[in-house]
Amino acid sequence: MRIHRYEKLWLIASLVLIVLFITTVTYGAVGLGIQLVDDREDPIAPADIADDERFGDPRVEQVGEDEYEVYVVAGQFFFDPGTFEPIEIPTNSEVTFYVTSQDVIHSFTVAGTNVNTMVVPGEVAALTVEFDEPGEHGIICNEFCGDGHHDMEAELVVVAEEEFE
């Protein structure tokens, strides 16, 4: 069987593109060190959030020398903490955000960073990140959650280690 040389050229080009695509996807999934949202957290009934030891008092908690945990409750149309008082963390520390929703699906997106997750009622999303530079970041909801969705925002303040209380 004889294959025309233009057909051979197209076959070779297609195979090269397939190999490049697979290589790119593999590098993006493994090589960059990006982690998916951790789903090993215990679920929580939205009605029980106020009584839960993790989310009954949303807060920033120091758990190690340079390790912090931030417990955030999303609701229509706020993040607690964040909306009423800014979340404040020091630079050069590892911060794990634990986020849950008390009513509908929201998202937790820290503008200008790669912190972005869907917040589902009954589930706890866990994201770990380091902030190297001081600054202010907005926190927004990217999931339409009702008529006040456009007002759902919060603030994250990253301060220099020396200035952190």
N, C-alpha and C. Protein backbone atom coordinates (compact mmCIF):
# COMPACT_ATOMS: atom_id res chain seq x y z
N MET A 1 0.84 -1.16 0.00
CA MET A 1 0.00 0.00 0.00
C MET A 1 0.90 1.24 0.00
N ARG A 2 0.55 2.15 -0.85
CA ARG A 2 1.36 3.35 -1.00
C ARG A 2 0.60 4.53 -0.40
N ILE A 3 1.29 5.30 0.50
CA ILE A 3 0.70 6.48 1.11
C ILE A 3 1.36 7.71 0.49
N HIS A 4 0.53 8.60 0.06
CA HIS A 4 1.03 9.82 -0.56
C HIS A 4 1.88 10.61 0.44
N ARG A 5 2.91 11.30 -0.05
CA ARG A 5 3.83 11.97 0.87
C ARG A 5 3.16 13.09 1.65
N TYR A 6 2.12 13.75 1.10
CA TYR A 6 1.40 14.77 1.86
C TYR A 6 0.60 14.13 2.99
N GLU A 7 0.06 12.95 2.75
CA GLU A 7 -0.63 12.23 3.82
C GLU A 7 0.36 11.86 4.93
N LYS A 8 1.54 11.39 4.55
CA LYS A 8 2.57 11.06 5.54
C LYS A 8 2.93 12.30 6.36
N LEU A 9 3.06 13.43 5.68
CA LEU A 9 3.40 14.68 6.36
C LEU A 9 2.32 15.06 7.38
N TRP A 10 1.06 14.94 6.99
CA TRP A 10 -0.04 15.25 7.91
C TRP A 10 -0.09 14.26 9.07
N LEU A 11 0.14 12.99 8.81
CA LEU A 11 0.16 11.99 9.88
C LEU A 11 1.28 12.27 10.88
N ILE A 12 2.47 12.57 10.38
CA ILE A 12 3.60 12.86 11.26
C ILE A 12 3.33 14.14 12.06
N ALA A 13 2.81 15.17 11.40
CA ALA A 13 2.50 16.42 12.10
C ALA A 13 1.44 16.19 13.18
N SER A 14 0.44 15.38 12.89
CA SER A 14 -0.61 15.08 13.87
C SER A 14 -0.04 14.33 15.07
N LEU A 15 0.81 13.35 14.82
CA LEU A 15 1.43 12.60 15.92
C LEU A 15 2.32 13.50 16.77
N VAL A 16 3.07 14.39 16.15
CA VAL A 16 3.91 15.33 16.90
C VAL A 16 3.05 16.23 17.77
N LEU A 17 1.94 16.72 17.25
CA LEU A 17 1.03 17.57 18.02
C LEU A 17 0.41 16.81 19.20
N ILE A 18 0.06 15.55 18.98
CA ILE A 18 -0.50 14.73 20.06
C ILE A 18 0.53 14.54 21.17
N VAL A 19 1.77 14.24 20.80
CA VAL A 19 2.83 14.07 21.79
C VAL A 19 3.08 15.38 22.54
N LEU A 20 3.11 16.52 21.83
CA LEU A 20 3.29 17.82 22.48
C LEU A 20 2.14 18.12 23.44
N PHE A 21 0.92 17.81 23.05
CA PHE A 21 -0.24 18.03 23.90
C PHE A 21 -0.13 17.21 25.18
N ILE A 22 0.18 15.93 25.05
CA ILE A 22 0.31 15.06 26.23
C ILE A 22 1.44 15.55 27.13
N THR A 23 2.56 15.97 26.56
CA THR A 23 3.68 16.49 27.34
C THR A 23 3.28 17.76 28.08
N THR A 24 2.58 18.67 27.42
CA THR A 24 2.15 19.92 28.03
C THR A 24 1.19 19.66 29.19
N VAL A 25 0.21 18.79 29.00
CA VAL A 25 -0.75 18.48 30.06
C VAL A 25 -0.04 17.81 31.24
N THR A 26 0.88 16.90 30.97
CA THR A 26 1.62 16.23 32.04
C THR A 26 2.46 17.24 32.82
N TYR A 27 3.15 18.12 32.13
CA TYR A 27 3.96 19.14 32.81
C TYR A 27 3.07 20.06 33.64
N GLY A 28 1.94 20.47 33.11
CA GLY A 28 1.03 21.34 33.85
C GLY A 28 0.44 20.68 35.08
N ALA A 29 0.21 19.39 35.01
CA ALA A 29 -0.38 18.67 36.14
C ALA A 29 0.63 18.26 37.19
N VAL A 30 1.86 17.97 36.78
CA VAL A 30 2.86 17.43 37.70
C VAL A 30 4.02 18.39 37.90
N GLY A 31 4.54 18.93 36.84
CA GLY A 31 5.77 19.71 36.88
C GLY A 31 5.68 21.02 37.63
N LEU A 32 4.54 21.67 37.64
CA LEU A 32 4.40 22.97 38.29
C LEU A 32 4.13 22.87 39.79
N GLY A 33 3.83 21.69 40.28
CA GLY A 33 3.58 21.51 41.70
C GLY A 33 2.24 22.03 42.15
N ILE A 34 1.30 22.18 41.26
CA ILE A 34 -0.02 22.67 41.62
C ILE A 34 -0.80 21.53 42.25
N GLN A 35 -1.46 21.83 43.37
CA GLN A 35 -2.24 20.82 44.06
C GLN A 35 -3.72 21.08 43.87
N LEU A 36 -4.48 20.03 43.81
CA LEU A 36 -5.92 20.17 43.75
C LEU A 36 -6.44 20.41 45.15
N VAL A 37 -7.68 20.88 45.26
CA VAL A 37 -8.29 21.13 46.55
C VAL A 37 -8.37 19.82 47.32
N ASP A 38 -8.00 19.90 48.58
CA ASP A 38 -8.00 18.72 49.44
C ASP A 38 -9.43 18.38 49.84
N ASP A 39 -9.85 17.15 49.59
CA ASP A 39 -11.22 16.75 49.92
C ASP A 39 -11.26 15.78 51.10
N ARG A 40 -10.21 15.77 51.91
CA ARG A 40 -10.18 14.85 53.05
C ARG A 40 -10.76 15.43 54.33
N GLU A 41 -11.25 16.66 54.27
CA GLU A 41 -11.83 17.27 55.45
C GLU A 41 -13.21 16.67 55.74
N ASP A 42 -13.53 16.60 57.03
CA ASP A 42 -14.83 16.07 57.43
C ASP A 42 -15.93 17.02 56.99
N PRO A 43 -16.99 16.49 56.39
CA PRO A 43 -18.11 17.35 55.98
C PRO A 43 -18.82 17.91 57.22
N ILE A 44 -19.58 18.96 56.99
CA ILE A 44 -20.31 19.61 58.08
C ILE A 44 -21.68 20.03 57.58
N ALA A 45 -22.70 19.74 58.34
CA ALA A 45 -24.06 20.15 57.96
C ALA A 45 -24.17 21.66 58.09
N PRO A 46 -24.70 22.35 57.08
CA PRO A 46 -24.79 23.81 57.15
C PRO A 46 -25.51 24.32 58.39
N ALA A 47 -26.49 23.57 58.88
CA ALA A 47 -27.22 24.00 60.08
C ALA A 47 -26.37 23.88 61.35
N ASP A 48 -25.30 23.09 61.30
CA ASP A 48 -24.45 22.86 62.48
C ASP A 48 -23.20 23.73 62.51
N ILE A 49 -23.04 24.65 61.58
CA ILE A 49 -21.82 25.45 61.51
C ILE A 49 -21.59 26.24 62.80
N ALA A 50 -22.64 26.84 63.36
CA ALA A 50 -22.48 27.65 64.57
C ALA A 50 -22.00 26.82 65.76
N ASP A 51 -22.28 25.52 65.77
CA ASP A 51 -21.88 24.65 66.88
C ASP A 51 -20.58 23.90 66.63
N ASP A 52 -20.03 24.03 65.43
CA ASP A 52 -18.81 23.30 65.08
C ASP A 52 -17.59 23.96 65.71
N GLU A 53 -16.66 23.14 66.22
CA GLU A 53 -15.47 23.70 66.87
C GLU A 53 -14.57 24.44 65.88
N ARG A 54 -14.61 24.04 64.60
CA ARG A 54 -13.78 24.71 63.60
C ARG A 54 -14.39 26.02 63.14
N PHE A 55 -15.69 26.03 62.90
CA PHE A 55 -16.33 27.18 62.25
C PHE A 55 -17.28 27.96 63.14
N GLY A 56 -17.49 27.52 64.37
CA GLY A 56 -18.36 28.25 65.29
C GLY A 56 -17.84 29.65 65.57
N ASP A 57 -16.51 29.79 65.56
CA ASP A 57 -15.85 31.08 65.74
C ASP A 57 -14.85 31.26 64.61
N PRO A 58 -15.28 31.75 63.44
CA PRO A 58 -14.35 31.92 62.31
C PRO A 58 -13.18 32.82 62.73
N ARG A 59 -11.96 32.40 62.36
CA ARG A 59 -10.80 33.09 62.90
C ARG A 59 -9.53 32.78 62.13
N VAL A 60 -8.46 33.48 62.51
CA VAL A 60 -7.10 33.18 62.08
C VAL A 60 -6.41 32.61 63.32
N GLU A 61 -5.83 31.43 63.17
CA GLU A 61 -5.22 30.75 64.31
C GLU A 61 -3.79 30.34 63.97
N GLN A 62 -2.86 30.66 64.86
CA GLN A 62 -1.47 30.24 64.67
C GLN A 62 -1.34 28.82 65.21
N VAL A 63 -0.84 27.91 64.35
CA VAL A 63 -0.71 26.50 64.74
C VAL A 63 0.74 26.03 64.78
N GLY A 64 1.65 26.85 64.36
CA GLY A 64 3.07 26.53 64.36
C GLY A 64 3.86 27.82 64.31
N GLU A 65 5.19 27.69 64.25
CA GLU A 65 6.02 28.89 64.25
C GLU A 65 5.67 29.81 63.09
N ASP A 66 5.59 29.28 61.89
CA ASP A 66 5.22 30.06 60.70
C ASP A 66 4.04 29.43 59.99
N GLU A 67 3.11 28.86 60.75
CA GLU A 67 1.94 28.19 60.17
C GLU A 67 0.67 28.76 60.78
N TYR A 68 -0.28 29.05 59.90
CA TYR A 68 -1.55 29.62 60.33
C TYR A 68 -2.69 28.87 59.65
N GLU A 69 -3.82 28.81 60.35
CA GLU A 69 -5.05 28.26 59.78
C GLU A 69 -6.10 29.35 59.84
N VAL A 70 -6.83 29.52 58.74
CA VAL A 70 -7.89 30.51 58.66
C VAL A 70 -9.19 29.77 58.40
N TYR A 71 -10.14 29.91 59.32
CA TYR A 71 -11.45 29.27 59.20
C TYR A 71 -12.44 30.32 58.72
N VAL A 72 -13.00 30.10 57.52
CA VAL A 72 -13.87 31.09 56.87
C VAL A 72 -15.23 30.46 56.59
N VAL A 73 -16.28 31.20 56.94
CA VAL A 73 -17.65 30.79 56.62
C VAL A 73 -18.17 31.76 55.57
N ALA A 74 -18.65 31.21 54.45
CA ALA A 74 -19.25 32.03 53.40
C ALA A 74 -20.76 31.96 53.54
N GLY A 75 -21.39 33.10 53.39
CA GLY A 75 -22.86 33.17 53.45
C GLY A 75 -23.33 34.24 52.51
N GLN A 76 -24.63 34.31 52.33
CA GLN A 76 -25.16 35.33 51.45
C GLN A 76 -25.13 36.66 52.19
N PHE A 77 -24.39 37.57 51.98
CA PHE A 77 -23.42 37.88 50.95
C PHE A 77 -22.18 38.40 51.65
N PHE A 78 -21.47 37.50 52.35
CA PHE A 78 -20.32 37.88 53.17
C PHE A 78 -19.36 36.70 53.30
N PHE A 79 -18.15 37.02 53.75
CA PHE A 79 -17.18 36.04 54.21
C PHE A 79 -16.87 36.42 55.65
N ASP A 80 -16.90 35.45 56.55
CA ASP A 80 -16.58 35.72 57.95
C ASP A 80 -15.43 34.83 58.38
N PRO A 81 -14.24 35.35 58.69
CA PRO A 81 -13.86 36.76 58.68
C PRO A 81 -13.55 37.23 57.27
N GLY A 82 -13.39 38.51 57.13
CA GLY A 82 -13.01 39.08 55.84
C GLY A 82 -13.88 40.25 55.43
N THR A 83 -15.20 40.09 55.53
CA THR A 83 -16.09 41.17 55.11
C THR A 83 -16.21 42.22 56.20
N PHE A 84 -16.42 41.80 57.43
CA PHE A 84 -16.64 42.73 58.53
C PHE A 84 -15.32 43.22 59.13
N GLU A 85 -14.31 42.39 59.10
CA GLU A 85 -12.96 42.75 59.53
C GLU A 85 -12.00 42.00 58.61
N PRO A 86 -10.90 42.63 58.20
CA PRO A 86 -9.99 41.96 57.26
C PRO A 86 -9.31 40.75 57.89
N ILE A 87 -8.99 39.78 57.05
CA ILE A 87 -8.15 38.65 57.47
C ILE A 87 -6.72 39.16 57.42
N GLU A 88 -5.99 39.03 58.52
CA GLU A 88 -4.62 39.54 58.57
C GLU A 88 -3.66 38.38 58.84
N ILE A 89 -2.66 38.25 57.97
CA ILE A 89 -1.65 37.20 58.12
C ILE A 89 -0.27 37.78 57.84
N PRO A 90 0.78 37.16 58.40
CA PRO A 90 2.14 37.66 58.17
C PRO A 90 2.74 37.10 56.89
N THR A 91 3.75 37.80 56.37
CA THR A 91 4.47 37.30 55.20
C THR A 91 5.31 36.09 55.59
N ASN A 92 5.72 35.34 54.59
CA ASN A 92 6.61 34.18 54.76
C ASN A 92 6.08 33.15 55.73
N SER A 93 4.78 32.94 55.73
CA SER A 93 4.19 31.91 56.56
C SER A 93 3.28 31.03 55.69
N GLU A 94 3.10 29.80 56.12
CA GLU A 94 2.23 28.87 55.41
C GLU A 94 0.83 29.02 55.98
N VAL A 95 -0.13 29.35 55.13
CA VAL A 95 -1.50 29.60 55.56
C VAL A 95 -2.41 28.57 54.90
N THR A 96 -3.21 27.90 55.73
CA THR A 96 -4.21 26.96 55.22
C THR A 96 -5.58 27.57 55.46
N PHE A 97 -6.31 27.78 54.38
CA PHE A 97 -7.67 28.28 54.46
C PHE A 97 -8.62 27.10 54.50
N TYR A 98 -9.51 27.07 55.48
CA TYR A 98 -10.60 26.10 55.55
C TYR A 98 -11.88 26.90 55.34
N VAL A 99 -12.59 26.59 54.27
CA VAL A 99 -13.75 27.40 53.89
C VAL A 99 -14.96 26.51 53.72
N THR A 100 -16.09 26.95 54.26
CA THR A 100 -17.36 26.24 54.09
C THR A 100 -18.47 27.25 53.88
N SER A 101 -19.63 26.77 53.46
CA SER A 101 -20.77 27.64 53.19
C SER A 101 -21.92 27.26 54.09
N GLN A 102 -22.66 28.26 54.53
CA GLN A 102 -23.82 27.98 55.37
C GLN A 102 -25.14 28.00 54.62
N ASP A 103 -25.10 28.32 53.31
CA ASP A 103 -26.38 28.43 52.61
C ASP A 103 -26.36 27.91 51.17
N VAL A 104 -25.65 28.55 50.28
CA VAL A 104 -25.64 28.16 48.86
C VAL A 104 -24.20 28.00 48.39
N ILE A 105 -24.03 27.63 47.14
CA ILE A 105 -22.68 27.49 46.58
C ILE A 105 -22.07 28.88 46.37
N HIS A 106 -20.84 29.03 46.84
CA HIS A 106 -20.06 30.25 46.65
C HIS A 106 -18.72 29.84 46.07
N SER A 107 -17.85 30.83 45.87
CA SER A 107 -16.45 30.53 45.61
C SER A 107 -15.62 31.42 46.51
N PHE A 108 -14.39 31.01 46.74
CA PHE A 108 -13.45 31.77 47.57
C PHE A 108 -12.25 32.03 46.69
N THR A 109 -12.13 33.26 46.20
CA THR A 109 -11.08 33.64 45.28
C THR A 109 -10.31 34.82 45.84
N VAL A 110 -9.00 34.65 46.03
CA VAL A 110 -8.15 35.74 46.48
C VAL A 110 -7.55 36.37 45.22
N ALA A 111 -7.97 37.59 44.94
CA ALA A 111 -7.55 38.27 43.71
C ALA A 111 -6.04 38.45 43.66
N GLY A 112 -5.48 38.21 42.48
CA GLY A 112 -4.05 38.37 42.28
C GLY A 112 -3.22 37.18 42.72
N THR A 113 -3.87 36.09 43.10
CA THR A 113 -3.17 34.87 43.52
C THR A 113 -3.80 33.68 42.81
N ASN A 114 -3.28 32.49 43.09
CA ASN A 114 -3.90 31.29 42.53
C ASN A 114 -4.82 30.60 43.54
N VAL A 115 -5.23 31.31 44.59
CA VAL A 115 -6.17 30.78 45.58
C VAL A 115 -7.57 30.94 45.02
N ASN A 116 -8.21 29.83 44.72
CA ASN A 116 -9.54 29.85 44.11
C ASN A 116 -10.18 28.49 44.31
N THR A 117 -11.32 28.45 44.96
CA THR A 117 -12.03 27.19 45.15
C THR A 117 -13.53 27.41 45.20
N MET A 118 -14.26 26.37 44.88
CA MET A 118 -15.70 26.40 45.02
C MET A 118 -16.04 26.04 46.47
N VAL A 119 -17.00 26.73 47.03
CA VAL A 119 -17.41 26.50 48.42
C VAL A 119 -18.82 25.94 48.40
N VAL A 120 -18.93 24.66 48.76
CA VAL A 120 -20.19 23.94 48.67
C VAL A 120 -20.75 23.72 50.08
N PRO A 121 -22.04 23.99 50.30
CA PRO A 121 -22.62 23.73 51.63
C PRO A 121 -22.43 22.26 52.01
N GLY A 122 -22.00 22.03 53.23
CA GLY A 122 -21.78 20.67 53.70
C GLY A 122 -20.37 20.17 53.47
N GLU A 123 -19.58 20.85 52.67
CA GLU A 123 -18.20 20.45 52.40
C GLU A 123 -17.24 21.49 52.97
N VAL A 124 -16.02 21.06 53.23
CA VAL A 124 -14.97 21.96 53.70
C VAL A 124 -13.84 21.94 52.69
N ALA A 125 -13.56 23.09 52.08
CA ALA A 125 -12.46 23.21 51.13
C ALA A 125 -11.21 23.63 51.91
N ALA A 126 -10.08 22.97 51.63
CA ALA A 126 -8.82 23.31 52.29
C ALA A 126 -7.80 23.69 51.23
N LEU A 127 -7.22 24.88 51.39
CA LEU A 127 -6.20 25.37 50.46
C LEU A 127 -5.01 25.87 51.26
N THR A 128 -3.81 25.47 50.89
CA THR A 128 -2.60 25.92 51.57
C THR A 128 -1.79 26.78 50.61
N VAL A 129 -1.33 27.93 51.12
CA VAL A 129 -0.61 28.89 50.29
C VAL A 129 0.39 29.66 51.15
N GLU A 130 1.41 30.21 50.49
CA GLU A 130 2.37 31.10 51.15
C GLU A 130 2.31 32.46 50.48
N PHE A 131 2.34 33.51 51.29
CA PHE A 131 2.37 34.88 50.78
C PHE A 131 3.73 35.46 51.12
N ASP A 132 4.53 35.80 50.10
CA ASP A 132 5.88 36.30 50.30
C ASP A 132 5.95 37.82 50.40
N GLU A 133 5.00 38.49 49.80
CA GLU A 133 5.02 39.95 49.73
C GLU A 133 3.88 40.54 50.56
N PRO A 134 4.15 41.61 51.31
CA PRO A 134 3.05 42.28 52.00
C PRO A 134 2.14 42.97 50.98
N GLY A 135 0.88 43.12 51.35
CA GLY A 135 -0.06 43.79 50.47
C GLY A 135 -1.50 43.47 50.84
N GLU A 136 -2.40 44.08 50.12
CA GLU A 136 -3.82 43.86 50.34
C GLU A 136 -4.39 43.12 49.13
N HIS A 137 -5.22 42.12 49.42
CA HIS A 137 -5.85 41.33 48.37
C HIS A 137 -7.36 41.32 48.61
N GLY A 138 -8.09 41.47 47.54
CA GLY A 138 -9.53 41.33 47.64
C GLY A 138 -9.92 39.86 47.59
N ILE A 139 -10.97 39.53 48.31
CA ILE A 139 -11.54 38.18 48.25
C ILE A 139 -12.93 38.34 47.63
N ILE A 140 -13.19 37.56 46.60
CA ILE A 140 -14.47 37.69 45.90
C ILE A 140 -15.12 36.32 45.72
N CYS A 141 -16.40 36.37 45.43
CA CYS A 141 -17.17 35.17 45.12
C CYS A 141 -17.41 35.16 43.61
N ASN A 142 -17.00 34.06 42.96
CA ASN A 142 -17.18 33.95 41.50
C ASN A 142 -18.39 33.10 41.12
N GLU A 143 -19.13 32.62 42.09
CA GLU A 143 -20.33 31.82 41.81
C GLU A 143 -21.55 32.69 42.12
N PHE A 144 -22.46 32.79 41.16
CA PHE A 144 -23.66 33.60 41.41
C PHE A 144 -24.43 32.98 42.56
N CYS A 145 -24.65 33.77 43.61
CA CYS A 145 -25.25 33.24 44.83
C CYS A 145 -26.50 34.00 45.26
N GLY A 146 -27.00 34.86 44.42
CA GLY A 146 -28.22 35.59 44.75
C GLY A 146 -28.13 37.04 44.31
N ASP A 147 -29.17 37.81 44.67
CA ASP A 147 -29.25 39.17 44.17
C ASP A 147 -28.22 40.12 44.78
N GLY A 148 -27.57 39.77 45.87
CA GLY A 148 -26.52 40.60 46.45
C GLY A 148 -25.12 40.11 46.12
N HIS A 149 -25.02 39.20 45.16
CA HIS A 149 -23.73 38.59 44.80
C HIS A 149 -22.67 39.63 44.45
N HIS A 150 -23.07 40.67 43.75
CA HIS A 150 -22.10 41.69 43.31
C HIS A 150 -21.48 42.44 44.48
N ASP A 151 -22.07 42.37 45.66
CA ASP A 151 -21.52 43.04 46.84
C ASP A 151 -20.72 42.09 47.73
N MET A 152 -20.61 40.83 47.36
CA MET A 152 -19.93 39.85 48.21
C MET A 152 -18.43 39.95 48.01
N GLU A 153 -17.79 40.61 48.96
CA GLU A 153 -16.34 40.77 48.89
C GLU A 153 -15.78 40.84 50.30
N ALA A 154 -14.48 40.62 50.39
CA ALA A 154 -13.78 40.66 51.67
C ALA A 154 -12.37 41.15 51.42
N GLU A 155 -11.58 41.23 52.50
CA GLU A 155 -10.22 41.74 52.37
C GLU A 155 -9.25 40.84 53.12
N LEU A 156 -8.11 40.57 52.46
CA LEU A 156 -7.00 39.83 53.06
C LEU A 156 -5.81 40.77 53.08
N VAL A 157 -5.24 40.98 54.27
CA VAL A 157 -4.10 41.87 54.42
C VAL A 157 -2.90 41.03 54.82
N VAL A 158 -1.86 41.07 54.00
CA VAL A 158 -0.61 40.38 54.29
C VAL A 158 0.36 41.45 54.79
N VAL A 159 0.79 41.31 56.04
CA VAL A 159 1.68 42.31 56.65
C VAL A 159 3.05 41.74 56.86
N ALA A 160 4.05 42.62 56.95
CA ALA A 160 5.42 42.17 57.21
C ALA A 160 5.46 41.47 58.57
N GLU A 161 6.33 40.49 58.69
CA GLU A 161 6.42 39.69 59.93
C GLU A 161 6.62 40.57 61.16
N GLU A 162 7.42 41.63 61.04
CA GLU A 162 7.71 42.49 62.17
C GLU A 162 6.47 43.24 62.65
N GLU A 163 5.55 43.53 61.74
CA GLU A 163 4.36 44.32 62.07
C GLU A 163 3.19 43.45 62.51
N PHE A 164 3.28 42.15 62.35
CA PHE A 164 2.16 41.27 62.67
C PHE A 164 2.01 41.12 64.17
N GLU A 165 0.79 41.21 64.66
CA GLU A 165 0.52 41.06 66.10
C GLU A 165 0.37 39.60 66.45
